Amino acid sequence: MDDRHPAGFTLIELLTTLAVLAALLTIAIPAMRQFLDGNRLRSAAEHLAADLRFARSETIKSSSDGNVHLSIRGSGTRWCYGLSRGAPCNCDPTGRRNFNGCGVSSAGDTLEKIRYSSDFPGIMLLDARFAGTPDTEFSSIRGTAKAGHVGFRSVQGQALQVRLSLLGRVRICTPTGVPAPRGYLPC
């Protein structure tokens, strides 16, 4: 006679495991959404900050080629921005990936510099203000710029601002009274 127990789970063990799994998912899914939402917001702000720093360095590096412009078009969930040398460019906020003059020449090559809202799903452009316009320009004299800020907000309500000083310095900060991803100082 065989005294071994048959392999497998009882119905009660299976239901208990499913109940624990459901409880864990109930807790984990909102936390994961918040995490992904914050990462998308952080990514949009960090990309803009990096592109502003790039624009400043390119202006200083090749001052004889002219100033570098940052042009922002659209708002809400449909927006884009592009960098160009000499004159503002016109990216297309509907997401059609058109060059439209958005590029920066460096060492004989033209580097396309356009970012679209579709690159950062769920991130809204709240406002872009640089001395009354949504565009800024870096001067070849010491890399100075029209000061201002660009505000982003995520679907979950978190917000970040990218600020540009007159001296061309870029920083990311959190607006007061609004939830934001960790790691940024208040504006």
C-alpha atoms as a PDB file:
ATOM      1  CA  MET A   1       0.000   0.000   0.000  1.00  0.00           C
ATOM      2  CA  ASP A   2       1.258   3.506  -0.911  1.00  0.00           C
ATOM      3  CA  ASP A   3       1.182   5.968   2.062  1.00  0.00           C
ATOM      4  CA  ARG A   4       2.353   9.037   0.116  1.00  0.00           C
ATOM      5  CA  HIS A   5       0.006  12.018  -0.221  1.00  0.00           C
ATOM      6  CA  PRO A   6      -1.015  13.030  -3.718  1.00  0.00           C
ATOM      7  CA  ALA A   7       0.814  16.124  -5.069  1.00  0.00           C
ATOM      8  CA  GLY A   8      -1.186  19.334  -5.519  1.00  0.00           C
ATOM      9  CA  PHE A   9      -3.074  22.004  -3.622  1.00  0.00           C
ATOM     10  CA  THR A  10      -6.375  21.816  -1.842  1.00  0.00           C
ATOM     11  CA  LEU A  11      -9.117  24.222  -2.788  1.00  0.00           C
ATOM     12  CA  ILE A  12      -8.687  26.136   0.501  1.00  0.00           C
ATOM     13  CA  GLU A  13      -4.936  26.558  -0.086  1.00  0.00           C
ATOM     14  CA  LEU A  14      -5.572  27.836  -3.613  1.00  0.00           C
ATOM     15  CA  LEU A  15      -8.262  30.315  -2.495  1.00  0.00           C
ATOM     16  CA  THR A  16      -6.052  31.586   0.357  1.00  0.00           C
ATOM     17  CA  THR A  17      -3.157  32.149  -2.064  1.00  0.00           C
ATOM     18  CA  LEU A  18      -5.434  34.001  -4.495  1.00  0.00           C
ATOM     19  CA  ALA A  19      -6.811  36.202  -1.695  1.00  0.00           C
ATOM     20  CA  VAL A  20      -3.290  37.171  -0.541  1.00  0.00           C
ATOM     21  CA  LEU A  21      -2.257  37.852  -4.151  1.00  0.00           C
ATOM     22  CA  ALA A  22      -5.325  40.058  -4.712  1.00  0.00           C
ATOM     23  CA  ALA A  23      -4.562  42.053  -1.541  1.00  0.00           C
ATOM     24  CA  LEU A  24      -0.959  42.597  -2.634  1.00  0.00           C
ATOM     25  CA  LEU A  25      -2.024  43.731  -6.112  1.00  0.00           C
ATOM     26  CA  THR A  26      -4.537  46.154  -4.606  1.00  0.00           C
ATOM     27  CA  ILE A  27      -1.667  47.841  -2.794  1.00  0.00           C
ATOM     28  CA  ALA A  28       0.996  47.517  -5.502  1.00  0.00           C
ATOM     29  CA  ILE A  29      -0.850  48.768  -8.592  1.00  0.00           C
ATOM     30  CA  PRO A  30      -1.522  52.353  -7.347  1.00  0.00           C
ATOM     31  CA  ALA A  31       2.043  52.603  -6.030  1.00  0.00           C
ATOM     32  CA  MET A  32       3.396  51.452  -9.384  1.00  0.00           C
ATOM     33  CA  ARG A  33       1.234  53.997 -11.237  1.00  0.00           C
ATOM     34  CA  GLN A  34       2.521  56.776  -8.976  1.00  0.00           C
ATOM     35  CA  PHE A  35       6.103  55.599  -9.534  1.00  0.00           C
ATOM     36  CA  LEU A  36       5.761  55.484 -13.345  1.00  0.00           C
ATOM     37  CA  ASP A  37       3.935  58.823 -13.370  1.00  0.00           C
ATOM     38  CA  GLY A  38       6.740  60.462 -11.412  1.00  0.00           C
ATOM     39  CA  ASN A  39       9.382  58.942 -13.679  1.00  0.00           C
ATOM     40  CA  ARG A  40       7.681  60.286 -16.819  1.00  0.00           C
ATOM     41  CA  LEU A  41       7.443  63.746 -15.262  1.00  0.00           C
ATOM     42  CA  ARG A  42      11.061  63.616 -14.139  1.00  0.00           C
ATOM     43  CA  SER A  43      12.122  62.472 -17.614  1.00  0.00           C
ATOM     44  CA  ALA A  44      10.363  65.382 -19.357  1.00  0.00           C
ATOM     45  CA  ALA A  45      11.900  67.943 -16.989  1.00  0.00           C
ATOM     46  CA  GLU A  46      15.374  66.379 -17.145  1.00  0.00           C
ATOM     47  CA  HIS A  47      15.320  66.237 -20.959  1.00  0.00           C
ATOM     48  CA  LEU A  48      14.346  69.901 -21.203  1.00  0.00           C
ATOM     49  CA  ALA A  49      17.020  70.888 -18.680  1.00  0.00           C
ATOM     50  CA  ALA A  50      19.657  68.900 -20.595  1.00  0.00           C
ATOM     51  CA  ASP A  51      18.595  70.451 -23.904  1.00  0.00           C
ATOM     52  CA  LEU A  52      18.775  73.947 -22.403  1.00  0.00           C
ATOM     53  CA  ARG A  53      22.297  73.229 -21.126  1.00  0.00           C
ATOM     54  CA  PHE A  54      23.224  71.884 -24.553  1.00  0.00           C
ATOM     55  CA  ALA A  55      21.852  75.025 -26.232  1.00  0.00           C
ATOM     56  CA  ARG A  56      23.900  77.241 -23.930  1.00  0.00           C
ATOM     57  CA  SER A  57      27.095  75.279 -24.494  1.00  0.00           C
ATOM     58  CA  GLU A  58      26.609  75.249 -28.280  1.00  0.00           C
ATOM     59  CA  THR A  59      26.040  79.014 -28.284  1.00  0.00           C
ATOM     60  CA  ILE A  60      29.220  79.654 -26.320  1.00  0.00           C
ATOM     61  CA  LYS A  61      31.262  77.072 -28.256  1.00  0.00           C
ATOM     62  CA  SER A  62      30.510  78.446 -31.709  1.00  0.00           C
ATOM     63  CA  SER A  63      29.560  82.049 -31.075  1.00  0.00           C
ATOM     64  CA  SER A  64      30.221  83.082 -34.676  1.00  0.00           C
ATOM     65  CA  ASP A  65      27.369  80.830 -35.917  1.00  0.00           C
ATOM     66  CA  GLY A  66      24.672  82.786 -34.057  1.00  0.00           C
ATOM     67  CA  ASN A  67      22.472  82.359 -31.020  1.00  0.00           C
ATOM     68  CA  VAL A  68      20.629  79.122 -30.197  1.00  0.00           C
ATOM     69  CA  HIS A  69      16.854  79.351 -29.688  1.00  0.00           C
ATOM     70  CA  LEU A  70      14.457  77.139 -27.742  1.00  0.00           C
ATOM     71  CA  SER A  71      11.004  77.235 -29.330  1.00  0.00           C
ATOM     72  CA  ILE A  72       8.006  75.762 -27.493  1.00  0.00           C
ATOM     73  CA  ARG A  73       4.703  75.127 -29.265  1.00  0.00           C
ATOM     74  CA  GLY A  74       1.376  73.854 -27.940  1.00  0.00           C
ATOM     75  CA  SER A  75       0.166  73.229 -24.406  1.00  0.00           C
ATOM     76  CA  GLY A  76      -1.692  70.653 -22.346  1.00  0.00           C
ATOM     77  CA  THR A  77      -1.090  67.155 -23.668  1.00  0.00           C
ATOM     78  CA  ARG A  78      -0.031  68.314 -27.169  1.00  0.00           C
ATOM     79  CA  TRP A  79       3.256  70.134 -27.104  1.00  0.00           C
ATOM     80  CA  CYS A  80       6.748  70.081 -28.515  1.00  0.00           C
ATOM     81  CA  TYR A  81       9.953  72.027 -28.325  1.00  0.00           C
ATOM     82  CA  GLY A  82      12.916  72.369 -30.592  1.00  0.00           C
ATOM     83  CA  LEU A  83      16.342  73.955 -30.668  1.00  0.00           C
ATOM     84  CA  SER A  84      17.612  75.926 -33.632  1.00  0.00           C
ATOM     85  CA  ARG A  85      20.438  78.273 -34.488  1.00  0.00           C
ATOM     86  CA  GLY A  86      19.881  81.785 -35.796  1.00  0.00           C
ATOM     87  CA  ALA A  87      16.074  81.933 -35.804  1.00  0.00           C
ATOM     88  CA  PRO A  88      13.263  80.189 -33.889  1.00  0.00           C
ATOM     89  CA  CYS A  89      12.048  76.921 -35.390  1.00  0.00           C
ATOM     90  CA  ASN A  90       8.514  75.591 -35.657  1.00  0.00           C
ATOM     91  CA  CYS A  91       8.018  72.072 -34.325  1.00  0.00           C
ATOM     92  CA  ASP A  92       4.570  70.561 -34.844  1.00  0.00           C
ATOM     93  CA  PRO A  93       2.715  69.864 -31.548  1.00  0.00           C
ATOM     94  CA  THR A  94       0.375  67.379 -33.251  1.00  0.00           C
ATOM     95  CA  GLY A  95       3.266  64.929 -33.153  1.00  0.00           C
ATOM     96  CA  ARG A  96       4.019  64.766 -36.863  1.00  0.00           C
ATOM     97  CA  ARG A  97       7.767  64.410 -36.748  1.00  0.00           C
ATOM     98  CA  ASN A  98       8.663  67.278 -39.072  1.00  0.00           C
ATOM     99  CA  PHE A  99      12.114  68.826 -39.018  1.00  0.00           C
ATOM    100  CA  ASN A 100      10.791  72.413 -39.663  1.00  0.00           C
ATOM    101  CA  GLY A 101      14.204  73.941 -39.066  1.00  0.00           C
ATOM    102  CA  CYS A 102      14.639  72.544 -35.546  1.00  0.00           C
ATOM    103  CA  GLY A 103      18.269  71.560 -35.434  1.00  0.00           C
ATOM    104  CA  VAL A 104      21.651  72.789 -34.303  1.00  0.00           C
ATOM    105  CA  SER A 105      24.697  72.699 -36.570  1.00  0.00           C
ATOM    106  CA  SER A 106      27.829  71.573 -34.831  1.00  0.00           C
ATOM    107  CA  ALA A 107      31.149  70.667 -36.492  1.00  0.00           C
ATOM    108  CA  GLY A 108      29.547  70.563 -39.940  1.00  0.00           C
ATOM    109  CA  ASP A 109      26.655  68.282 -38.945  1.00  0.00           C
ATOM    110  CA  THR A 110      23.107  69.327 -38.155  1.00  0.00           C
ATOM    111  CA  LEU A 111      21.767  67.613 -35.058  1.00  0.00           C
ATOM    112  CA  GLU A 112      17.963  67.450 -34.968  1.00  0.00           C
ATOM    113  CA  LYS A 113      16.780  68.620 -31.552  1.00  0.00           C
ATOM    114  CA  ILE A 114      13.021  68.162 -31.164  1.00  0.00           C
ATOM    115  CA  ARG A 115      11.036  66.629 -28.300  1.00  0.00           C
ATOM    116  CA  TYR A 116       7.326  65.785 -28.497  1.00  0.00           C
ATOM    117  CA  SER A 117       4.699  65.243 -25.824  1.00  0.00           C
ATOM    118  CA  SER A 118       4.272  61.725 -27.222  1.00  0.00           C
ATOM    119  CA  ASP A 119       7.788  60.999 -25.924  1.00  0.00           C
ATOM    120  CA  PHE A 120       6.426  61.574 -22.388  1.00  0.00           C
ATOM    121  CA  PRO A 121       2.905  60.048 -22.202  1.00  0.00           C
ATOM    122  CA  GLY A 122       0.583  61.688 -19.691  1.00  0.00           C
ATOM    123  CA  ILE A 123       2.790  64.751 -19.126  1.00  0.00           C
ATOM    124  CA  MET A 124       1.130  68.119 -19.663  1.00  0.00           C
ATOM    125  CA  LEU A 125       2.854  71.393 -20.450  1.00  0.00           C
ATOM    126  CA  LEU A 126       1.286  73.905 -18.069  1.00  0.00           C
ATOM    127  CA  ASP A 127       3.091  77.049 -19.094  1.00  0.00           C
ATOM    128  CA  ALA A 128       6.237  78.283 -20.760  1.00  0.00           C
ATOM    129  CA  ARG A 129       7.189  81.882 -20.031  1.00  0.00           C
ATOM    130  CA  PHE A 130      10.447  83.564 -20.964  1.00  0.00           C
ATOM    131  CA  ALA A 131      10.086  87.357 -20.788  1.00  0.00           C
ATOM    132  CA  GLY A 132       6.463  87.138 -21.962  1.00  0.00           C
ATOM    133  CA  THR A 133       6.965  84.577 -24.745  1.00  0.00           C
ATOM    134  CA  PRO A 134       7.130  80.764 -24.860  1.00  0.00           C
ATOM    135  CA  ASP A 135      10.594  80.951 -26.465  1.00  0.00           C
ATOM    136  CA  THR A 136      14.041  81.807 -25.190  1.00  0.00           C
ATOM    137  CA  GLU A 137      17.378  82.453 -26.798  1.00  0.00           C
ATOM    138  CA  PHE A 138      20.947  82.098 -25.597  1.00  0.00           C
ATOM    139  CA  SER A 139      23.338  84.904 -26.413  1.00  0.00           C
ATOM    140  CA  SER A 140      26.864  84.124 -27.527  1.00  0.00           C
ATOM    141  CA  ILE A 141      28.076  86.664 -24.962  1.00  0.00           C
ATOM    142  CA  ARG A 142      28.702  84.473 -21.894  1.00  0.00           C
ATOM    143  CA  GLY A 143      25.717  82.237 -22.659  1.00  0.00           C
ATOM    144  CA  THR A 144      23.152  84.589 -21.138  1.00  0.00           C
ATOM    145  CA  ALA A 145      19.469  83.984 -21.858  1.00  0.00           C
ATOM    146  CA  LYS A 146      15.957  85.329 -21.540  1.00  0.00           C
ATOM    147  CA  ALA A 147      15.022  84.101 -18.063  1.00  0.00           C
ATOM    148  CA  GLY A 148      11.842  82.159 -17.417  1.00  0.00           C
ATOM    149  CA  HIS A 149      10.374  78.780 -16.648  1.00  0.00           C
ATOM    150  CA  VAL A 150       8.517  75.816 -18.106  1.00  0.00           C
ATOM    151  CA  GLY A 151       5.983  73.962 -15.965  1.00  0.00           C
ATOM    152  CA  PHE A 152       5.050  70.292 -16.366  1.00  0.00           C
ATOM    153  CA  ARG A 153       2.290  68.308 -14.636  1.00  0.00           C
ATOM    154  CA  SER A 154       1.577  64.595 -14.666  1.00  0.00           C
ATOM    155  CA  VAL A 155      -1.749  62.769 -14.820  1.00  0.00           C
ATOM    156  CA  GLN A 156      -1.509  62.007 -11.085  1.00  0.00           C
ATOM    157  CA  GLY A 157      -1.120  65.748 -10.296  1.00  0.00           C
ATOM    158  CA  GLN A 158       2.630  65.873  -9.614  1.00  0.00           C
ATOM    159  CA  ALA A 159       4.432  68.933 -10.989  1.00  0.00           C
ATOM    160  CA  LEU A 160       7.926  70.182 -11.763  1.00  0.00           C
ATOM    161  CA  GLN A 161       9.311  73.423 -13.152  1.00  0.00           C
ATOM    162  CA  VAL A 162      12.424  73.923 -15.234  1.00  0.00           C
ATOM    163  CA  ARG A 163      13.835  77.382 -14.523  1.00  0.00           C
ATOM    164  CA  LEU A 164      16.333  79.319 -16.591  1.00  0.00           C
ATOM    165  CA  SER A 165      18.179  82.311 -15.114  1.00  0.00           C
ATOM    166  CA  LEU A 166      19.465  85.384 -16.945  1.00  0.00           C
ATOM    167  CA  LEU A 167      22.955  83.913 -16.678  1.00  0.00           C
ATOM    168  CA  GLY A 168      21.803  80.773 -18.528  1.00  0.00           C
ATOM    169  CA  ARG A 169      21.775  78.511 -15.494  1.00  0.00           C
ATOM    170  CA  VAL A 170      19.184  75.738 -15.493  1.00  0.00           C
ATOM    171  CA  ARG A 171      17.558  74.120 -12.481  1.00  0.00           C
ATOM    172  CA  ILE A 172      14.571  71.893 -11.799  1.00  0.00           C
ATOM    173  CA  CYS A 173      12.376  72.620  -8.803  1.00  0.00           C
ATOM    174  CA  THR A 174       8.993  71.785  -7.282  1.00  0.00           C
ATOM    175  CA  PRO A 175       6.224  74.396  -7.239  1.00  0.00           C
ATOM    176  CA  THR A 176       4.923  75.170  -3.761  1.00  0.00           C
ATOM    177  CA  GLY A 177       1.806  73.347  -2.599  1.00  0.00           C
ATOM    178  CA  VAL A 178       1.883  70.724  -5.358  1.00  0.00           C
ATOM    179  CA  PRO A 179       3.008  67.094  -5.012  1.00  0.00           C
ATOM    180  CA  ALA A 180       6.238  66.324  -6.856  1.00  0.00           C
ATOM    181  CA  PRO A 181       8.720  63.514  -7.323  1.00  0.00           C
ATOM    182  CA  ARG A 182      11.375  63.338  -4.616  1.00  0.00           C
ATOM    183  CA  GLY A 183      14.801  64.830  -5.027  1.00  0.00           C
ATOM    184  CA  TYR A 184      14.027  68.402  -6.094  1.00  0.00           C
ATOM    185  CA  LEU A 185      14.177  71.584  -4.034  1.00  0.00           C
ATOM    186  CA  PRO A 186      11.170  73.914  -3.823  1.00  0.00           C
ATOM    187  CA  CYS A 187      11.007  76.796  -6.283  1.00  0.00           C
END
